[in-house]
């Protein structure tokens, strides 16, 4: 993937994350997070895939409100991470465990 492509994909995912705030209800949020996860997966953005998956699990558990906003902030950080490898993915998963449990 070329640098310009990465910038465009990150911008699209950031736009989608920002737009989630206007969605009402967990189902709408979950659909958009699923779309973000699929785009990230197609583009090898492993930390974003990991955080999106964990966010989907949090939504399924019934988490909502400010906690979901914190999850979305973490997802944004994962999207913009310079490292997109397995090690970065594991680091984001560990950070989610510490921050959200």
Protein backbone atom coordinates (compact mmCIF):
# COMPACT_ATOMS: atom_id res chain seq x y z
CA UNK A 1 0.00 0.00 0.00
CA UNK A 2 1.33 3.43 -0.91
CA UNK A 3 1.63 6.30 1.54
CA UNK A 4 -1.15 8.27 -0.18
CA UNK A 5 -3.47 5.28 0.11
CA UNK A 6 -2.72 4.95 3.83
CA UNK A 7 -3.50 8.62 4.40
CA UNK A 8 -6.81 8.32 2.53
CA UNK A 9 -7.82 5.16 4.41
CA UNK A 10 -6.92 6.67 7.78
CA UNK A 11 -8.91 9.80 6.91
CA UNK A 12 -11.94 7.71 5.91
CA UNK A 13 -11.80 5.65 9.08
CA UNK A 14 -11.35 8.78 11.21
CA UNK A 15 -14.39 10.33 9.50
CA UNK A 16 -16.43 7.21 10.20
CA UNK A 17 -15.34 7.15 13.85
CA UNK A 18 -16.29 10.80 14.23
CA UNK A 19 -19.67 10.18 12.62
CA UNK A 20 -20.50 7.42 15.09
CA UNK A 21 -21.21 10.07 17.72
CA UNK A 22 -24.35 11.02 15.80
CA UNK A 23 -25.65 7.44 15.69
CA UNK A 24 -28.36 6.51 18.13
CA UNK A 25 -28.45 3.12 19.74
CA UNK A 26 -25.97 0.30 20.06
CA UNK A 27 -27.15 -1.41 16.86
CA UNK A 28 -26.27 1.59 14.69
CA UNK A 29 -22.94 1.99 16.41
CA UNK A 30 -22.22 -1.73 16.06
CA UNK A 31 -22.95 -1.65 12.31
CA UNK A 32 -20.55 1.22 11.78
CA UNK A 33 -17.83 -0.34 13.95
CA UNK A 34 -18.21 -3.54 11.93
CA UNK A 35 -17.72 -1.56 8.70
CA UNK A 36 -14.63 0.12 10.18
CA UNK A 37 -13.25 -3.25 11.27
CA UNK A 38 -13.74 -4.72 7.78
CA UNK A 39 -12.01 -1.77 6.07
CA UNK A 40 -9.13 -1.95 8.55
CA UNK A 41 -8.82 -5.70 8.01
CA UNK A 42 -8.69 -5.33 4.21
CA UNK A 43 -5.89 -2.80 4.61
CA UNK A 44 -3.78 -4.65 7.18
CA UNK A 45 -4.46 -2.22 10.01
CA UNK A 46 -4.19 -4.82 12.75
CA UNK A 47 -4.45 -2.53 15.82
CA UNK A 48 -7.68 -1.02 14.47
CA UNK A 49 -9.07 -4.49 13.76
CA UNK A 50 -8.27 -5.56 17.32
CA UNK A 51 -9.79 -2.50 18.99
CA UNK A 52 -12.88 -2.63 16.76
CA UNK A 53 -13.40 -6.29 17.67
CA UNK A 54 -13.07 -5.50 21.39
CA UNK A 55 -15.45 -2.55 21.00
CA UNK A 56 -18.00 -4.81 19.30
CA UNK A 57 -17.75 -7.16 22.29
CA UNK A 58 -18.23 -4.22 24.67
CA UNK A 59 -21.35 -3.14 22.79
CA UNK A 60 -22.69 -6.71 22.94
CA UNK A 61 -22.20 -6.60 26.74
CA UNK A 62 -24.38 -3.49 26.83
CA UNK A 63 -21.74 -0.81 27.34
CA UNK A 64 -22.88 2.64 26.30
CA UNK A 65 -22.46 6.36 26.82
CA UNK A 66 -19.13 7.81 27.87
CA UNK A 67 -17.45 4.41 27.96
CA UNK A 68 -18.26 3.86 24.27
CA UNK A 69 -16.82 7.31 23.51
CA UNK A 70 -13.60 6.24 25.27
CA UNK A 71 -13.53 3.07 23.15
CA UNK A 72 -13.97 5.18 20.02
CA UNK A 73 -11.05 7.38 21.09
CA UNK A 74 -8.90 4.26 21.45
CA UNK A 75 -10.07 3.09 18.02
CA UNK A 76 -8.98 6.43 16.58
CA UNK A 77 -5.56 6.00 18.17
CA UNK A 78 -5.28 2.53 16.65
CA UNK A 79 -6.20 3.84 13.20
CA UNK A 80 -3.47 6.49 13.39
CA UNK A 81 -0.81 4.25 14.91
CA UNK A 82 2.43 4.31 12.94
CA UNK A 83 2.89 0.62 13.64
CA UNK A 84 0.33 -1.73 12.14
CA UNK A 85 1.92 -5.08 13.01
CA UNK A 86 1.06 -7.93 15.38
CA UNK A 87 3.10 -6.43 18.20
CA UNK A 88 1.20 -3.14 17.96
CA UNK A 89 -2.08 -5.05 17.85
CA UNK A 90 -1.16 -6.91 21.04
CA UNK A 91 -0.12 -3.64 22.69
CA UNK A 92 -3.49 -2.07 21.88
CA UNK A 93 -5.32 -5.15 23.18
CA UNK A 94 -3.36 -4.92 26.44
CA UNK A 95 -4.08 -1.20 26.72
CA UNK A 96 -7.80 -1.90 26.26
CA UNK A 97 -7.68 -4.53 28.99
CA UNK A 98 -6.08 -2.09 31.42
CA UNK A 99 -8.18 0.90 30.47
CA UNK A 100 -11.60 -0.70 30.15
CA UNK A 101 -11.71 -3.39 32.82
